[in-house]
N, C-alpha and C. Protein backbone atom coordinates (compact mmCIF):
# COMPACT_ATOMS: atom_id res chain seq x y z
N MET A 1 0.84 -1.19 0.00
CA MET A 1 0.00 0.00 0.00
C MET A 1 0.88 1.26 0.00
N ARG A 2 1.91 1.21 0.80
CA ARG A 2 2.81 2.37 0.89
C ARG A 2 3.41 2.71 -0.47
N ASP A 3 3.82 1.68 -1.20
CA ASP A 3 4.41 1.91 -2.53
C ASP A 3 3.39 2.53 -3.48
N LEU A 4 2.14 2.09 -3.41
CA LEU A 4 1.09 2.67 -4.27
C LEU A 4 0.87 4.14 -3.94
N ILE A 5 0.85 4.46 -2.65
CA ILE A 5 0.66 5.86 -2.24
C ILE A 5 1.86 6.70 -2.68
N ARG A 6 3.05 6.15 -2.51
CA ARG A 6 4.26 6.88 -2.93
C ARG A 6 4.21 7.17 -4.43
N LYS A 7 3.87 6.15 -5.22
CA LYS A 7 3.82 6.33 -6.68
C LYS A 7 2.77 7.37 -7.07
N ALA A 8 1.58 7.27 -6.47
CA ALA A 8 0.51 8.22 -6.78
C ALA A 8 0.90 9.64 -6.38
N SER A 9 1.55 9.78 -5.22
CA SER A 9 1.94 11.12 -4.76
C SER A 9 2.99 11.73 -5.69
N GLU A 10 3.90 10.93 -6.18
CA GLU A 10 4.91 11.42 -7.13
C GLU A 10 4.26 11.83 -8.44
N GLU A 11 3.33 11.01 -8.94
CA GLU A 11 2.64 11.32 -10.20
C GLU A 11 1.81 12.60 -10.09
N ASN A 12 1.26 12.86 -8.90
CA ASN A 12 0.41 14.03 -8.71
C ASN A 12 1.14 15.23 -8.12
N GLY A 13 2.44 15.08 -7.89
CA GLY A 13 3.24 16.19 -7.39
C GLY A 13 2.86 16.60 -5.97
N ARG A 14 2.51 15.62 -5.14
CA ARG A 14 2.13 15.89 -3.75
C ARG A 14 3.00 15.05 -2.82
N SER A 15 3.04 15.47 -1.56
CA SER A 15 3.69 14.62 -0.56
C SER A 15 2.77 13.44 -0.29
N MET A 16 3.31 12.42 0.33
CA MET A 16 2.48 11.24 0.63
C MET A 16 1.34 11.61 1.58
N ASN A 17 1.61 12.46 2.57
CA ASN A 17 0.55 12.86 3.50
C ASN A 17 -0.57 13.61 2.78
N VAL A 18 -0.20 14.53 1.91
CA VAL A 18 -1.22 15.29 1.17
C VAL A 18 -2.00 14.36 0.25
N GLU A 19 -1.32 13.40 -0.35
CA GLU A 19 -2.00 12.43 -1.23
C GLU A 19 -3.03 11.63 -0.43
N ILE A 20 -2.66 11.18 0.77
CA ILE A 20 -3.58 10.41 1.61
C ILE A 20 -4.78 11.27 2.00
N ILE A 21 -4.54 12.50 2.41
CA ILE A 21 -5.63 13.40 2.81
C ILE A 21 -6.55 13.67 1.62
N HIS A 22 -5.96 13.92 0.45
CA HIS A 22 -6.76 14.18 -0.76
C HIS A 22 -7.67 12.99 -1.08
N ARG A 23 -7.12 11.80 -1.03
CA ARG A 23 -7.91 10.61 -1.34
C ARG A 23 -9.01 10.37 -0.32
N LEU A 24 -8.73 10.63 0.95
CA LEU A 24 -9.77 10.49 1.98
C LEU A 24 -10.88 11.52 1.77
N GLN A 25 -10.50 12.77 1.51
CA GLN A 25 -11.51 13.80 1.28
C GLN A 25 -12.37 13.47 0.07
N THR A 26 -11.76 12.98 -0.99
CA THR A 26 -12.49 12.61 -2.20
C THR A 26 -13.47 11.47 -1.93
N SER A 27 -13.06 10.52 -1.12
CA SER A 27 -13.93 9.37 -0.85
C SER A 27 -15.14 9.75 -0.01
N PHE A 28 -15.04 10.81 0.79
CA PHE A 28 -16.15 11.24 1.63
C PHE A 28 -16.94 12.40 1.04
N ALA A 29 -16.51 12.93 -0.08
CA ALA A 29 -17.19 14.07 -0.71
C ALA A 29 -18.55 13.64 -1.24
N PRO A 30 -19.56 14.52 -1.14
CA PRO A 30 -20.86 14.18 -1.71
C PRO A 30 -20.76 14.09 -3.23
N ASN A 31 -21.69 13.36 -3.82
CA ASN A 31 -21.70 13.23 -5.28
C ASN A 31 -21.82 14.60 -5.92
N SER A 32 -21.11 14.78 -6.99
CA SER A 32 -21.19 16.05 -7.69
C SER A 32 -22.49 16.13 -8.48
N VAL A 33 -22.83 17.33 -8.90
CA VAL A 33 -24.04 17.54 -9.69
C VAL A 33 -23.96 16.76 -10.98
N CYS A 34 -22.76 16.66 -11.56
CA CYS A 34 -22.60 15.91 -12.81
C CYS A 34 -22.96 14.45 -12.62
N ASP A 35 -22.53 13.86 -11.50
CA ASP A 35 -22.87 12.46 -11.24
C ASP A 35 -24.38 12.28 -11.14
N GLU A 36 -25.03 13.23 -10.46
CA GLU A 36 -26.48 13.15 -10.32
C GLU A 36 -27.17 13.34 -11.66
N LEU A 37 -26.63 14.24 -12.49
CA LEU A 37 -27.20 14.47 -13.82
C LEU A 37 -27.06 13.22 -14.67
N LEU A 38 -25.91 12.57 -14.62
CA LEU A 38 -25.72 11.35 -15.40
C LEU A 38 -26.68 10.26 -14.93
N SER A 39 -26.93 10.19 -13.64
CA SER A 39 -27.89 9.21 -13.14
C SER A 39 -29.28 9.52 -13.69
N ALA A 40 -29.64 10.79 -13.74
CA ALA A 40 -30.94 11.17 -14.29
C ALA A 40 -31.02 10.82 -15.77
N VAL A 41 -29.94 11.01 -16.50
CA VAL A 41 -29.91 10.67 -17.92
C VAL A 41 -30.09 9.17 -18.10
N ASP A 42 -29.45 8.36 -17.24
CA ASP A 42 -29.61 6.91 -17.31
C ASP A 42 -31.06 6.51 -17.08
N VAL A 43 -31.73 7.17 -16.15
CA VAL A 43 -33.15 6.89 -15.89
C VAL A 43 -33.99 7.24 -17.11
N LEU A 44 -33.72 8.40 -17.72
CA LEU A 44 -34.47 8.78 -18.93
C LEU A 44 -34.28 7.75 -20.04
N ARG A 45 -33.06 7.30 -20.21
CA ARG A 45 -32.80 6.28 -21.24
C ARG A 45 -33.60 5.02 -20.96
N ALA A 46 -33.59 4.58 -19.73
CA ALA A 46 -34.27 3.34 -19.38
C ALA A 46 -35.78 3.46 -19.53
N LEU A 47 -36.34 4.60 -19.15
CA LEU A 47 -37.79 4.76 -19.18
C LEU A 47 -38.34 5.05 -20.57
N THR A 48 -37.61 5.80 -21.36
CA THR A 48 -38.15 6.24 -22.64
C THR A 48 -37.59 5.47 -23.82
N GLY A 49 -36.49 4.77 -23.62
CA GLY A 49 -35.86 4.09 -24.74
C GLY A 49 -35.36 5.09 -25.77
N SER A 50 -35.06 6.30 -25.31
CA SER A 50 -34.68 7.37 -26.23
C SER A 50 -33.17 7.54 -26.29
N VAL A 51 -32.76 8.26 -27.30
CA VAL A 51 -31.37 8.63 -27.44
C VAL A 51 -31.19 9.93 -26.66
N VAL A 52 -30.28 9.94 -25.72
CA VAL A 52 -30.11 11.11 -24.87
C VAL A 52 -28.74 11.71 -25.11
N GLU A 53 -28.71 13.04 -25.17
CA GLU A 53 -27.45 13.75 -25.34
C GLU A 53 -27.38 14.83 -24.27
N VAL A 54 -26.24 14.95 -23.63
CA VAL A 54 -26.03 15.99 -22.64
C VAL A 54 -24.97 16.93 -23.20
N THR A 55 -25.32 18.20 -23.32
CA THR A 55 -24.38 19.19 -23.83
C THR A 55 -24.32 20.35 -22.85
N GLU A 56 -23.28 21.14 -22.99
CA GLU A 56 -23.16 22.33 -22.15
C GLU A 56 -22.95 23.53 -23.04
N ARG A 57 -23.79 24.54 -22.84
CA ARG A 57 -23.67 25.79 -23.59
C ARG A 57 -23.78 26.95 -22.60
N ASP A 58 -22.85 27.85 -22.69
CA ASP A 58 -22.85 29.03 -21.83
C ASP A 58 -22.94 28.66 -20.35
N GLY A 59 -22.28 27.58 -19.97
CA GLY A 59 -22.26 27.17 -18.58
C GLY A 59 -23.51 26.48 -18.10
N VAL A 60 -24.43 26.17 -19.01
CA VAL A 60 -25.69 25.50 -18.65
C VAL A 60 -25.74 24.15 -19.34
N GLN A 61 -26.06 23.11 -18.58
CA GLN A 61 -26.16 21.78 -19.17
C GLN A 61 -27.57 21.56 -19.70
N HIS A 62 -27.65 21.02 -20.92
CA HIS A 62 -28.92 20.76 -21.59
C HIS A 62 -29.04 19.27 -21.87
N ILE A 63 -30.22 18.73 -21.65
CA ILE A 63 -30.49 17.33 -21.95
C ILE A 63 -31.45 17.28 -23.13
N THR A 64 -31.08 16.52 -24.16
CA THR A 64 -31.91 16.37 -25.34
C THR A 64 -32.23 14.89 -25.51
N PHE A 65 -33.49 14.57 -25.75
CA PHE A 65 -33.81 13.19 -26.04
C PHE A 65 -34.93 13.12 -27.06
N GLN A 66 -34.96 12.02 -27.80
CA GLN A 66 -35.96 11.80 -28.84
C GLN A 66 -36.70 10.52 -28.54
N ARG A 67 -37.99 10.59 -28.71
CA ARG A 67 -38.75 9.34 -28.63
C ARG A 67 -38.81 8.77 -30.03
N PRO A 68 -38.77 7.46 -30.14
CA PRO A 68 -38.86 6.85 -31.47
C PRO A 68 -40.22 7.18 -32.10
N LEU A 69 -40.20 7.35 -33.41
CA LEU A 69 -41.45 7.61 -34.13
C LEU A 69 -42.30 6.34 -34.15
N PRO A 70 -43.60 6.49 -33.99
CA PRO A 70 -44.45 5.30 -34.07
C PRO A 70 -44.44 4.72 -35.48
N GLU A 71 -44.60 3.42 -35.57
CA GLU A 71 -44.64 2.78 -36.88
C GLU A 71 -45.91 3.19 -37.60
N LYS A 72 -45.77 3.41 -38.92
CA LYS A 72 -46.95 3.77 -39.74
C LYS A 72 -47.79 2.53 -39.98
N ARG A 73 -49.08 2.71 -39.84
CA ARG A 73 -49.99 1.61 -40.11
C ARG A 73 -50.71 1.86 -41.42
N ASP A 74 -50.82 0.86 -42.22
CA ASP A 74 -51.51 1.01 -43.51
C ASP A 74 -52.96 0.67 -43.41
């Protein structure tokens, strides 16, 4: 474990102590808004069977989805 922490701290340019603190803080941090948005997108996909796209414009995230067209009946 110590070797893994040492390697990660060197790769991230941090001391081993700072690396350990950073990883602990990250593990206890609440889910970000992006994670929650992606979960919502997954729910939309599952419920609607639609193609979903998430884009960001002017600092605002937009969700676009399409429902499949109904089959034409003759």
